[in-house]
Amino acid sequence: MSRHDIRRPLNIVMLACTNLRARIAPRLSPEDAVYLDAKIGRIEQQVERISGMLGASVTTQGPDAGDAPAKGD
């Protein structure tokens, strides 16, 4: 499994978080909106944590640069 195969669902989770904030939070009471924001923030933190484990080099080397086997592998 490549980094890209893992990043794709993580990107979808982040997009879902953005959509929840934009579409659901405005319809909630202020108290519930704060609660939802905290929960969504926790999800985003965990997604960022996983992304960090996959390596930050992706932004400078391309999406799957770290997945190719090294010469001699």
Protein backbone atom coordinates (compact mmCIF):
# COMPACT_ATOMS: atom_id res chain seq x y z
CA MET A 1 0.00 0.00 0.00
CA SER A 2 1.43 3.37 -0.98
CA ARG A 3 1.30 6.66 0.88
CA HIS A 4 -1.16 7.86 -1.73
CA ASP A 5 -3.53 4.99 -0.90
CA ILE A 6 -3.57 6.15 2.72
CA ARG A 7 -3.66 9.89 2.02
CA ARG A 8 -6.72 9.69 -0.24
CA PRO A 9 -9.13 8.62 2.54
CA LEU A 10 -7.49 11.09 4.93
CA ASN A 11 -8.21 13.89 2.47
CA ILE A 12 -11.83 12.76 2.30
CA VAL A 13 -12.09 12.83 6.10
CA MET A 14 -10.69 16.37 6.15
CA LEU A 15 -13.15 17.44 3.47
CA ALA A 16 -16.00 15.94 5.48
CA CYS A 17 -14.86 17.94 8.53
CA THR A 18 -14.89 21.13 6.49
CA ASN A 19 -18.37 20.33 5.17
CA LEU A 20 -19.70 19.64 8.67
CA ARG A 21 -18.41 22.97 9.90
CA ALA A 22 -19.87 24.83 6.93
CA ARG A 23 -23.27 23.14 6.71
CA ILE A 24 -24.13 21.77 10.14
CA ALA A 25 -22.52 24.09 12.69
CA PRO A 26 -24.47 27.21 11.61
CA ARG A 27 -27.75 25.36 12.31
CA LEU A 28 -26.82 24.41 15.86
CA SER A 29 -27.20 26.25 19.12
CA PRO A 30 -24.02 28.08 20.14
CA GLU A 31 -23.33 25.43 22.80
CA ASP A 32 -23.73 22.55 20.34
CA ALA A 33 -21.68 24.38 17.70
CA VAL A 34 -18.79 24.71 20.16
CA TYR A 35 -19.07 21.01 21.02
CA LEU A 36 -19.12 20.02 17.34
CA ASP A 37 -16.16 22.26 16.57
CA ALA A 38 -14.14 20.63 19.35
CA LYS A 39 -14.94 17.14 18.10
CA ILE A 40 -14.16 18.03 14.49
CA GLY A 41 -10.92 19.66 15.65
CA ARG A 42 -9.92 16.41 17.35
CA ILE A 43 -10.58 14.45 14.16
CA GLU A 44 -8.48 16.93 12.18
CA GLN A 45 -5.63 16.67 14.69
CA GLN A 46 -5.58 12.90 14.35
CA VAL A 47 -5.64 13.06 10.55
CA GLU A 48 -2.72 15.52 10.66
CA ARG A 49 -0.91 13.18 13.05
CA ILE A 50 -1.28 10.28 10.62
CA SER A 51 -0.21 12.49 7.73
CA GLY A 52 2.88 13.47 9.71
CA MET A 53 3.71 9.81 10.27
CA LEU A 54 3.60 9.30 6.51
CA GLY A 55 6.27 11.95 6.12
CA ALA A 56 6.27 15.62 5.30
CA SER A 57 8.57 15.09 2.32
CA VAL A 58 5.55 14.51 0.10
CA THR A 59 5.00 18.23 -0.44
CA THR A 60 8.51 18.72 -1.76
CA GLN A 61 9.04 15.45 -3.62
CA GLY A 62 5.62 14.71 -5.09
CA PRO A 63 2.77 12.49 -3.93
CA ASP A 64 4.46 9.09 -3.99
CA ALA A 65 8.13 9.99 -4.12
CA GLY A 66 8.91 8.12 -0.90
CA ASP A 67 7.11 4.97 -2.04
CA ALA A 68 9.42 3.98 -4.86
CA PRO A 69 11.97 1.35 -3.90
CA ALA A 70 15.52 2.56 -3.61
CA LYS A 71 18.10 1.38 -6.13
CA GLY A 72 19.18 -2.10 -5.27
CA ASP A 73 15.97 -3.00 -3.40
